[in-house]
Amino acid sequence: MLFRSETLRERAEAKLERKSLHLIVANPLETIGSEHIEPLVLAPGPAGAEVVACPAPHPSKADFARWLLEETVRRQAALRPA
């Protein structure tokens, strides 16, 4: 989802809760057409939305996509019963 930087977190948190998502990635509009991304990744936590730390502050879009896929697989595996 793309939002202006000043409302990014607020709107991402609202959508995370409203849709009962396990993870949400919010991107500032300013990253359109850029080689790099400034993602805000949120997941539900016990006290509300928590930031999921990305491995680099401004990764390339390709590096971020790889990391996001790995993170999604890791989180899904943690949800499965043992």
Protein backbone atom coordinates (compact mmCIF):
# COMPACT_ATOMS: atom_id res chain seq x y z
CA MET A 1 0.00 0.00 0.00
CA LEU A 2 1.23 3.49 -0.80
CA PHE A 3 0.63 6.52 1.41
CA ARG A 4 2.14 9.90 2.05
CA SER A 5 4.98 9.65 4.59
CA GLU A 6 3.19 11.73 7.23
CA THR A 7 0.22 9.32 7.49
CA LEU A 8 2.01 6.09 6.62
CA ARG A 9 2.16 4.38 10.00
CA GLU A 10 -1.28 5.49 11.17
CA ARG A 11 -2.99 4.23 8.02
CA ALA A 12 -0.98 1.00 7.92
CA GLU A 13 -1.87 0.21 11.54
CA ALA A 14 -5.55 0.83 10.84
CA LYS A 15 -5.54 -1.47 7.81
CA LEU A 16 -3.58 -4.18 9.68
CA GLU A 17 -6.23 -4.22 12.40
CA ARG A 18 -9.28 -3.73 10.16
CA LYS A 19 -8.35 -6.65 7.90
CA SER A 20 -6.87 -8.86 10.67
CA LEU A 21 -3.63 -9.26 8.72
CA HIS A 22 -0.52 -11.09 9.91
CA LEU A 23 1.81 -8.60 8.23
CA ILE A 24 1.55 -5.39 6.23
CA VAL A 25 4.10 -3.46 4.17
CA ALA A 26 3.56 0.25 3.74
CA ASN A 27 5.58 2.27 1.25
CA PRO A 28 5.80 6.05 1.04
CA LEU A 29 4.58 7.46 -2.28
CA GLU A 30 8.05 8.92 -2.76
CA THR A 31 9.49 5.45 -3.51
CA ILE A 32 7.56 5.04 -6.77
CA GLY A 33 10.05 4.80 -9.62
CA SER A 34 12.98 4.47 -7.24
CA GLU A 35 15.53 1.63 -7.26
CA HIS A 36 15.20 1.41 -3.47
CA ILE A 37 12.35 1.17 -1.02
CA GLU A 38 11.73 2.67 2.41
CA PRO A 39 9.33 0.06 3.74
CA LEU A 40 7.43 0.15 6.98
CA VAL A 41 6.63 -3.45 7.89
CA LEU A 42 4.14 -3.99 10.70
CA ALA A 43 2.79 -7.08 12.43
CA PRO A 44 0.21 -7.39 15.19
CA GLY A 45 1.67 -7.48 18.68
CA PRO A 46 0.31 -7.82 22.21
CA ALA A 47 0.11 -4.02 22.62
CA GLY A 48 -0.83 -3.13 19.04
CA ALA A 49 1.12 -2.99 15.81
CA GLU A 50 4.86 -3.66 16.06
CA VAL A 51 7.53 -2.71 13.55
CA VAL A 52 9.28 -5.66 11.93
CA ALA A 53 12.93 -4.75 11.40
CA CYS A 54 14.19 -5.02 7.84
CA PRO A 55 17.79 -6.09 7.31
CA ALA A 56 18.75 -2.75 5.71
CA PRO A 57 17.25 0.75 6.06
CA HIS A 58 16.87 1.40 2.29
CA PRO A 59 17.15 -1.95 0.48
CA SER A 60 16.81 -2.35 -3.25
CA LYS A 61 13.35 -3.49 -4.26
CA ALA A 62 14.76 -6.90 -5.29
CA ASP A 63 16.57 -7.39 -1.95
CA PHE A 64 13.46 -6.35 -0.03
CA ALA A 65 11.28 -8.77 -2.02
CA ARG A 66 13.65 -11.66 -1.17
CA TRP A 67 13.69 -10.70 2.50
CA LEU A 68 9.90 -10.31 2.60
CA LEU A 69 9.37 -13.76 1.10
CA GLU A 70 11.75 -15.32 3.64
CA GLU A 71 10.10 -13.44 6.51
CA THR A 72 6.63 -14.52 5.37
CA VAL A 73 7.68 -18.18 5.15
CA ARG A 74 9.31 -17.97 8.60
CA ARG A 75 6.20 -16.43 10.15
CA GLN A 76 3.86 -18.96 8.52
CA ALA A 77 6.00 -21.83 9.78
CA ALA A 78 5.78 -20.41 13.31
CA LEU A 79 1.97 -20.44 13.09
CA ARG A 80 1.78 -24.15 12.26
CA PRO A 81 1.10 -26.50 15.16
CA ALA A 82 4.04 -28.66 16.18
